[in-house]
Amino acid sequence: MRFSLAFLLAAIFAMFAQAQTGPCTEKAVKDGNLPRADDAFSYMPPYGKPVTGKAAEDKAAGKSFADRINRKFEWASDHRIVASPSGDMAYEHGTMHVSYDDKSDGKHHTFSAVMLNVYQAKGAVCQQVAGTMHPLEDTVKP
């Protein structure tokens, strides 16, 4: 009886301790620099509307962020990454602290934004398939 109970507990522990095996692991998302999917969806208020596809996002970002230099991004303590056990999908969410200098007005801007990014495996590569952010406030410092 004791052996059966010990075996059952060991089997249950092994199920929960199973390593993520696909490309969209917590480590892959945490390490960053994952490519965007060709048909990725993105929305940020500066874009004015949601965009789909790398070319459309690059164009919207070029218009919206061309004057932003010395950009810095840092996740807050509520940052969380969740990956499926198979590693075929993952998402991350939380608050990100952002700062940059604006060439057009010469001012330094800081703000926090809530973020949500979704990742999906395509073959052996984990790609960002959706992303959105919403600023919480903007603090301008001359």
N, C-alpha and C. Protein backbone atom coordinates (compact mmCIF):
# COMPACT_ATOMS: atom_id res chain seq x y z
N MET A 1 0.82 -1.19 0.00
CA MET A 1 0.00 0.00 0.00
C MET A 1 0.87 1.26 0.00
N ARG A 2 1.90 1.29 0.85
CA ARG A 2 2.78 2.45 0.89
C ARG A 2 3.48 2.66 -0.45
N PHE A 3 3.91 1.55 -1.05
CA PHE A 3 4.58 1.64 -2.34
C PHE A 3 3.64 2.23 -3.38
N SER A 4 2.40 1.79 -3.39
CA SER A 4 1.41 2.31 -4.35
C SER A 4 1.18 3.80 -4.16
N LEU A 5 1.07 4.24 -2.92
CA LEU A 5 0.86 5.66 -2.63
C LEU A 5 2.08 6.47 -3.05
N ALA A 6 3.27 5.98 -2.75
CA ALA A 6 4.50 6.67 -3.13
C ALA A 6 4.62 6.74 -4.65
N PHE A 7 4.30 5.66 -5.34
CA PHE A 7 4.36 5.64 -6.79
C PHE A 7 3.36 6.62 -7.39
N LEU A 8 2.14 6.66 -6.84
CA LEU A 8 1.12 7.57 -7.32
C LEU A 8 1.56 9.03 -7.13
N LEU A 9 2.10 9.36 -5.99
CA LEU A 9 2.57 10.72 -5.74
C LEU A 9 3.73 11.08 -6.66
N ALA A 10 4.64 10.15 -6.89
CA ALA A 10 5.77 10.41 -7.79
C ALA A 10 5.28 10.63 -9.22
N ALA A 11 4.27 9.86 -9.65
CA ALA A 11 3.73 10.01 -11.00
C ALA A 11 3.04 11.37 -11.15
N ILE A 12 2.30 11.78 -10.14
CA ILE A 12 1.63 13.08 -10.19
C ILE A 12 2.67 14.20 -10.23
N PHE A 13 3.70 14.11 -9.41
CA PHE A 13 4.76 15.12 -9.41
C PHE A 13 5.43 15.19 -10.78
N ALA A 14 5.68 14.05 -11.39
CA ALA A 14 6.34 14.01 -12.70
C ALA A 14 5.48 14.68 -13.77
N MET A 15 4.15 14.54 -13.67
CA MET A 15 3.27 15.18 -14.64
C MET A 15 3.39 16.70 -14.56
N PHE A 16 3.42 17.22 -13.33
CA PHE A 16 3.49 18.67 -13.17
C PHE A 16 4.89 19.22 -13.42
N ALA A 17 5.89 18.42 -13.28
CA ALA A 17 7.27 18.88 -13.46
C ALA A 17 7.76 18.73 -14.89
N GLN A 18 6.88 18.27 -15.79
CA GLN A 18 7.27 18.06 -17.18
C GLN A 18 7.77 19.36 -17.80
N ALA A 19 8.88 19.31 -18.45
CA ALA A 19 9.48 20.50 -19.07
C ALA A 19 8.71 20.89 -20.32
N GLN A 20 8.72 22.18 -20.61
CA GLN A 20 8.12 22.66 -21.85
C GLN A 20 9.04 22.23 -22.99
N THR A 21 8.44 21.76 -24.08
CA THR A 21 9.26 21.16 -25.12
C THR A 21 9.29 21.95 -26.43
N GLY A 22 8.27 22.73 -26.75
CA GLY A 22 8.22 23.45 -28.02
C GLY A 22 9.01 24.74 -27.98
N PRO A 23 8.94 25.53 -29.05
CA PRO A 23 9.73 26.76 -29.14
C PRO A 23 9.21 27.92 -28.28
N CYS A 24 7.93 27.92 -27.92
CA CYS A 24 7.36 29.03 -27.15
C CYS A 24 7.38 28.71 -25.65
N THR A 25 8.56 28.66 -25.11
CA THR A 25 8.72 28.39 -23.69
C THR A 25 8.81 29.69 -22.91
N GLU A 26 8.68 29.58 -21.61
CA GLU A 26 8.81 30.77 -20.76
C GLU A 26 10.18 31.41 -20.97
N LYS A 27 11.22 30.59 -21.08
CA LYS A 27 12.57 31.11 -21.27
C LYS A 27 12.69 31.85 -22.61
N ALA A 28 12.12 31.31 -23.68
CA ALA A 28 12.20 31.95 -25.00
C ALA A 28 11.54 33.33 -24.96
N VAL A 29 10.38 33.43 -24.32
CA VAL A 29 9.68 34.71 -24.23
C VAL A 29 10.48 35.67 -23.35
N LYS A 30 10.98 35.17 -22.24
CA LYS A 30 11.75 36.02 -21.32
C LYS A 30 13.03 36.55 -21.98
N ASP A 31 13.68 35.71 -22.78
CA ASP A 31 14.91 36.13 -23.46
C ASP A 31 14.63 37.21 -24.50
N GLY A 32 13.41 37.24 -25.04
CA GLY A 32 12.98 38.30 -25.95
C GLY A 32 13.50 38.15 -27.37
N ASN A 33 13.30 39.19 -28.15
CA ASN A 33 13.73 39.26 -29.56
C ASN A 33 13.14 38.16 -30.41
N LEU A 34 11.89 37.80 -30.14
CA LEU A 34 11.21 36.81 -30.97
C LEU A 34 10.65 37.52 -32.21
N PRO A 35 10.72 36.87 -33.37
CA PRO A 35 10.23 37.52 -34.59
C PRO A 35 8.71 37.66 -34.57
N ARG A 36 8.23 38.65 -35.30
CA ARG A 36 6.79 38.82 -35.48
C ARG A 36 6.35 37.95 -36.64
N ALA A 37 5.17 37.39 -36.52
CA ALA A 37 4.59 36.63 -37.63
C ALA A 37 4.26 37.58 -38.78
N ASP A 38 4.27 37.07 -39.99
CA ASP A 38 3.95 37.90 -41.16
C ASP A 38 2.57 38.53 -41.05
N ASP A 39 1.64 37.83 -40.40
CA ASP A 39 0.27 38.33 -40.27
C ASP A 39 -0.05 38.77 -38.84
N ALA A 40 0.95 39.21 -38.11
CA ALA A 40 0.76 39.60 -36.70
C ALA A 40 -0.22 40.77 -36.58
N PHE A 41 -1.00 40.75 -35.50
CA PHE A 41 -1.94 41.81 -35.17
C PHE A 41 -1.31 42.70 -34.11
N SER A 42 -1.47 44.01 -34.24
CA SER A 42 -0.91 44.93 -33.25
C SER A 42 -1.83 46.13 -33.08
N TYR A 43 -1.95 46.57 -31.83
CA TYR A 43 -2.68 47.80 -31.57
C TYR A 43 -1.98 48.59 -30.47
N MET A 44 -1.71 49.83 -30.77
CA MET A 44 -1.21 50.81 -29.81
C MET A 44 -1.93 52.11 -30.12
N PRO A 45 -2.33 52.87 -29.11
CA PRO A 45 -3.06 54.12 -29.37
C PRO A 45 -2.38 55.05 -30.39
N PRO A 46 -1.04 55.18 -30.41
CA PRO A 46 -0.45 56.07 -31.41
C PRO A 46 -0.73 55.64 -32.86
N TYR A 47 -1.03 54.35 -33.08
CA TYR A 47 -1.33 53.88 -34.44
C TYR A 47 -2.68 54.42 -34.92
N GLY A 48 -3.58 54.72 -34.00
CA GLY A 48 -4.90 55.21 -34.37
C GLY A 48 -5.90 54.11 -34.67
N LYS A 49 -5.42 52.96 -35.11
CA LYS A 49 -6.29 51.83 -35.41
C LYS A 49 -5.44 50.56 -35.37
N PRO A 50 -6.07 49.40 -35.21
CA PRO A 50 -5.31 48.15 -35.24
C PRO A 50 -4.67 47.94 -36.61
N VAL A 51 -3.51 47.30 -36.62
CA VAL A 51 -2.83 46.98 -37.87
C VAL A 51 -2.53 45.48 -37.91
N THR A 52 -2.53 44.94 -39.10
CA THR A 52 -2.24 43.52 -39.28
C THR A 52 -1.14 43.38 -40.32
N GLY A 53 -0.12 42.62 -39.97
CA GLY A 53 0.99 42.37 -40.87
C GLY A 53 2.21 43.20 -40.51
N LYS A 54 3.39 42.61 -40.75
CA LYS A 54 4.64 43.29 -40.41
C LYS A 54 4.80 44.61 -41.16
N ALA A 55 4.47 44.62 -42.44
CA ALA A 55 4.65 45.84 -43.24
C ALA A 55 3.77 46.96 -42.71
N ALA A 56 2.51 46.65 -42.38
CA ALA A 56 1.59 47.67 -41.86
C ALA A 56 2.05 48.16 -40.49
N GLU A 57 2.55 47.25 -39.66
CA GLU A 57 3.03 47.66 -38.34
C GLU A 57 4.29 48.51 -38.45
N ASP A 58 5.19 48.12 -39.34
CA ASP A 58 6.41 48.91 -39.53
C ASP A 58 6.07 50.32 -40.00
N LYS A 59 5.10 50.44 -40.89
CA LYS A 59 4.68 51.74 -41.40
C LYS A 59 4.06 52.58 -40.27
N ALA A 60 3.16 51.97 -39.50
CA ALA A 60 2.51 52.69 -38.39
C ALA A 60 3.53 53.10 -37.33
N ALA A 61 4.46 52.21 -37.02
CA ALA A 61 5.49 52.53 -36.02
C ALA A 61 6.42 53.62 -36.53
N GLY A 62 6.75 53.58 -37.82
CA GLY A 62 7.60 54.62 -38.39
C GLY A 62 6.98 55.99 -38.27
N LYS A 63 5.68 56.08 -38.54
CA LYS A 63 4.97 57.36 -38.41
C LYS A 63 4.89 57.80 -36.95
N SER A 64 4.58 56.87 -36.07
CA SER A 64 4.29 57.21 -34.67
C SER A 64 5.52 57.39 -33.81
N PHE A 65 6.60 56.69 -34.11
CA PHE A 65 7.73 56.66 -33.19
C PHE A 65 9.04 57.17 -33.77
N ALA A 66 9.02 57.75 -34.95
CA ALA A 66 10.26 58.18 -35.62
C ALA A 66 11.05 59.18 -34.79
N ASP A 67 10.38 60.04 -34.05
CA ASP A 67 11.07 61.07 -33.27
C ASP A 67 11.49 60.60 -31.88
N ARG A 68 11.19 59.37 -31.53
CA ARG A 68 11.52 58.86 -30.19
C ARG A 68 12.92 58.24 -30.20
N ILE A 69 13.79 58.80 -29.39
CA ILE A 69 15.16 58.27 -29.28
C ILE A 69 15.45 57.94 -27.83
N ASN A 70 16.54 57.24 -27.60
CA ASN A 70 16.94 56.83 -26.24
C ASN A 70 15.80 56.11 -25.53
N ARG A 71 15.17 55.20 -26.25
CA ARG A 71 14.02 54.48 -25.70
C ARG A 71 14.49 53.41 -24.71
N LYS A 72 13.78 53.32 -23.60
CA LYS A 72 14.07 52.32 -22.57
C LYS A 72 12.76 51.67 -22.14
N PHE A 73 12.82 50.36 -21.95
CA PHE A 73 11.64 49.58 -21.57
C PHE A 73 12.02 48.69 -20.40
N GLU A 74 11.16 48.65 -19.39
CA GLU A 74 11.42 47.80 -18.22
C GLU A 74 10.10 47.27 -17.67
N TRP A 75 10.01 45.95 -17.56
CA TRP A 75 8.82 45.34 -17.00
C TRP A 75 8.73 45.64 -15.51
N ALA A 76 7.50 45.84 -15.01
CA ALA A 76 7.24 46.01 -13.58
C ALA A 76 7.13 44.63 -12.93
N SER A 77 6.95 44.63 -11.63
CA SER A 77 6.93 43.36 -10.88
C SER A 77 5.71 42.50 -11.20
N ASP A 78 4.69 43.04 -11.86
CA ASP A 78 3.51 42.24 -12.20
C ASP A 78 3.66 41.48 -13.53
N HIS A 79 4.83 41.59 -14.17
CA HIS A 79 5.07 40.90 -15.44
C HIS A 79 4.93 39.39 -15.25
N ARG A 80 4.20 38.77 -16.15
CA ARG A 80 3.98 37.33 -16.06
C ARG A 80 4.03 36.72 -17.45
N ILE A 81 4.66 35.56 -17.55
CA ILE A 81 4.71 34.79 -18.79
C ILE A 81 4.05 33.45 -18.53
N VAL A 82 3.15 33.06 -19.41
CA VAL A 82 2.47 31.77 -19.30
C VAL A 82 2.67 31.04 -20.62
N ALA A 83 3.24 29.84 -20.55
CA ALA A 83 3.47 29.03 -21.75
C ALA A 83 2.74 27.71 -21.61
N SER A 84 2.24 27.21 -22.72
CA SER A 84 1.56 25.91 -22.69
C SER A 84 2.61 24.82 -22.43
N PRO A 85 2.21 23.72 -21.84
CA PRO A 85 3.17 22.63 -21.58
C PRO A 85 3.84 22.12 -22.86
N SER A 86 3.13 22.17 -23.98
CA SER A 86 3.71 21.68 -25.24
C SER A 86 4.63 22.72 -25.88
N GLY A 87 4.58 23.98 -25.40
CA GLY A 87 5.42 25.03 -25.96
C GLY A 87 4.96 25.54 -27.30
N ASP A 88 3.69 25.26 -27.67
CA ASP A 88 3.20 25.75 -28.95
C ASP A 88 2.59 27.14 -28.86
N MET A 89 2.28 27.61 -27.65
CA MET A 89 1.73 28.95 -27.46
C MET A 89 2.19 29.50 -26.12
N ALA A 90 2.23 30.83 -26.05
CA ALA A 90 2.56 31.51 -24.81
C ALA A 90 2.00 32.92 -24.86
N TYR A 91 1.86 33.51 -23.69
CA TYR A 91 1.51 34.92 -23.65
C TYR A 91 2.23 35.56 -22.49
N GLU A 92 2.38 36.86 -22.57
CA GLU A 92 2.94 37.62 -21.46
C GLU A 92 2.09 38.86 -21.27
N HIS A 93 1.99 39.27 -20.02
CA HIS A 93 1.23 40.48 -19.73
C HIS A 93 1.81 41.14 -18.51
N GLY A 94 1.47 42.39 -18.34
CA GLY A 94 1.94 43.14 -17.18
C GLY A 94 2.08 44.62 -17.52
N THR A 95 2.71 45.30 -16.61
CA THR A 95 2.95 46.73 -16.77
C THR A 95 4.39 46.94 -17.21
N MET A 96 4.56 47.80 -18.19
CA MET A 96 5.90 48.13 -18.65
C MET A 96 6.14 49.62 -18.44
N HIS A 97 7.32 49.94 -17.90
CA HIS A 97 7.73 51.33 -17.74
C HIS A 97 8.54 51.71 -18.99
N VAL A 98 8.16 52.83 -19.61
CA VAL A 98 8.75 53.27 -20.87
C VAL A 98 9.26 54.69 -20.70
N SER A 99 10.42 54.95 -21.29
CA SER A 99 10.91 56.33 -21.33
C SER A 99 11.60 56.56 -22.67
N TYR A 100 11.59 57.82 -23.11
CA TYR A 100 12.25 58.18 -24.36
C TYR A 100 12.40 59.69 -24.42
N ASP A 101 13.30 60.12 -25.28
CA ASP A 101 13.46 61.54 -25.59
C ASP A 101 12.78 61.79 -26.93
N ASP A 102 12.10 62.91 -27.04
CA ASP A 102 11.40 63.24 -28.28
C ASP A 102 12.19 64.30 -29.03
N LYS A 103 12.67 63.94 -30.22
CA LYS A 103 13.46 64.89 -31.02
C LYS A 103 12.64 66.11 -31.42
N SER A 104 11.34 65.94 -31.61
CA SER A 104 10.52 67.06 -32.10
C SER A 104 10.30 68.15 -31.06
N ASP A 105 10.21 67.77 -29.77
CA ASP A 105 9.99 68.79 -28.74
C ASP A 105 11.14 68.90 -27.74
N GLY A 106 12.14 68.02 -27.87
CA GLY A 106 13.30 68.07 -26.99
C GLY A 106 13.03 67.66 -25.56
N LYS A 107 11.90 67.05 -25.29
CA LYS A 107 11.52 66.69 -23.92
C LYS A 107 11.70 65.20 -23.68
N HIS A 108 11.86 64.86 -22.40
CA HIS A 108 11.97 63.48 -21.97
C HIS A 108 10.59 63.02 -21.49
N HIS A 109 10.13 61.89 -22.00
CA HIS A 109 8.81 61.37 -21.64
C HIS A 109 8.97 60.06 -20.87
N THR A 110 8.14 59.86 -19.88
CA THR A 110 8.07 58.58 -19.17
C THR A 110 6.60 58.23 -18.99
N PHE A 111 6.31 56.95 -19.09
CA PHE A 111 4.95 56.50 -18.82
C PHE A 111 4.98 55.00 -18.55
N SER A 112 3.90 54.53 -17.99
CA SER A 112 3.69 53.10 -17.80
C SER A 112 2.54 52.68 -18.69
N ALA A 113 2.59 51.44 -19.15
CA ALA A 113 1.54 50.94 -20.03
C ALA A 113 1.25 49.49 -19.68
N VAL A 114 0.00 49.10 -19.83
CA VAL A 114 -0.35 47.69 -19.68
C VAL A 114 -0.10 47.03 -21.04
N MET A 115 0.47 45.84 -20.99
CA MET A 115 0.89 45.15 -22.21
C MET A 115 0.31 43.74 -22.25
N LEU A 116 0.06 43.25 -23.44
CA LEU A 116 -0.32 41.86 -23.67
C LEU A 116 0.30 41.43 -24.99
N ASN A 117 1.12 40.40 -24.97
CA ASN A 117 1.73 39.84 -26.17
C ASN A 117 1.40 38.36 -26.24
N VAL A 118 1.09 37.88 -27.43
CA VAL A 118 0.75 36.48 -27.65
C VAL A 118 1.74 35.88 -28.65
N TYR A 119 2.20 34.67 -28.34
CA TYR A 119 3.19 33.99 -29.17
C TYR A 119 2.67 32.63 -29.59
N GLN A 120 3.05 32.22 -30.81
CA GLN A 120 2.63 30.93 -31.34
C GLN A 120 3.80 30.30 -32.11
N ALA A 121 3.93 29.01 -31.98
CA ALA A 121 4.98 28.30 -32.69
C ALA A 121 4.63 28.16 -34.16
N LYS A 122 5.63 28.38 -34.99
CA LYS A 122 5.52 28.08 -36.42
C LYS A 122 6.74 27.24 -36.74
N GLY A 123 6.53 25.95 -36.83
CA GLY A 123 7.66 25.04 -36.95
C GLY A 123 8.47 25.07 -35.67
N ALA A 124 9.76 25.29 -35.80
CA ALA A 124 10.65 25.33 -34.63
C ALA A 124 10.88 26.74 -34.11
N VAL A 125 10.10 27.72 -34.60
CA VAL A 125 10.29 29.12 -34.22
C VAL A 125 9.07 29.64 -33.49
N CYS A 126 9.30 30.34 -32.40
CA CYS A 126 8.23 31.00 -31.67
C CYS A 126 8.10 32.43 -32.21
N GLN A 127 6.90 32.79 -32.67
CA GLN A 127 6.67 34.10 -33.26
C GLN A 127 5.62 34.87 -32.47
N GLN A 128 5.78 36.19 -32.43
CA GLN A 128 4.74 37.03 -31.84
C GLN A 128 3.62 37.16 -32.85
N VAL A 129 2.40 36.77 -32.45
CA VAL A 129 1.26 36.82 -33.36
C VAL A 129 0.29 37.95 -33.02
N ALA A 130 0.40 38.51 -31.82
CA ALA A 130 -0.47 39.62 -31.44
C ALA A 130 0.18 40.40 -30.31
N GLY A 131 -0.07 41.69 -30.30
CA GLY A 131 0.45 42.53 -29.23
C GLY A 131 -0.38 43.79 -29.09
N THR A 132 -0.59 44.20 -27.87
CA THR A 132 -1.32 45.44 -27.63
C THR A 132 -0.77 46.10 -26.38
N MET A 133 -0.91 47.40 -26.34
CA MET A 133 -0.50 48.16 -25.16
C MET A 133 -1.43 49.34 -24.99
N HIS A 134 -1.57 49.75 -23.74
CA HIS A 134 -2.37 50.94 -23.46
C HIS A 134 -1.66 51.76 -22.38
N PRO A 135 -1.26 52.98 -22.70
CA PRO A 135 -0.57 53.82 -21.71
C PRO A 135 -1.48 54.16 -20.54
N LEU A 136 -0.88 54.20 -19.35
CA LEU A 136 -1.63 54.57 -18.16
C LEU A 136 -1.55 56.07 -17.89
N GLU A 137 -0.39 56.67 -18.22
CA GLU A 137 -0.19 58.11 -18.05
C GLU A 137 1.07 58.50 -18.79
N ASP A 138 1.26 59.78 -18.98
CA ASP A 138 2.47 60.28 -19.63
C ASP A 138 2.99 61.44 -18.81
N THR A 139 4.23 61.36 -18.44
CA THR A 139 4.85 62.44 -17.67
C THR A 139 5.95 63.06 -18.52
N VAL A 140 5.80 64.33 -18.82
CA VAL A 140 6.77 65.04 -19.65
C VAL A 140 7.68 65.83 -18.74
N LYS A 141 9.00 65.68 -18.98
CA LYS A 141 9.98 66.45 -18.23
C LYS A 141 10.81 67.27 -19.21
N PRO A 142 10.83 68.60 -19.03
CA PRO A 142 11.59 69.45 -19.96
C PRO A 142 13.08 69.18 -19.92
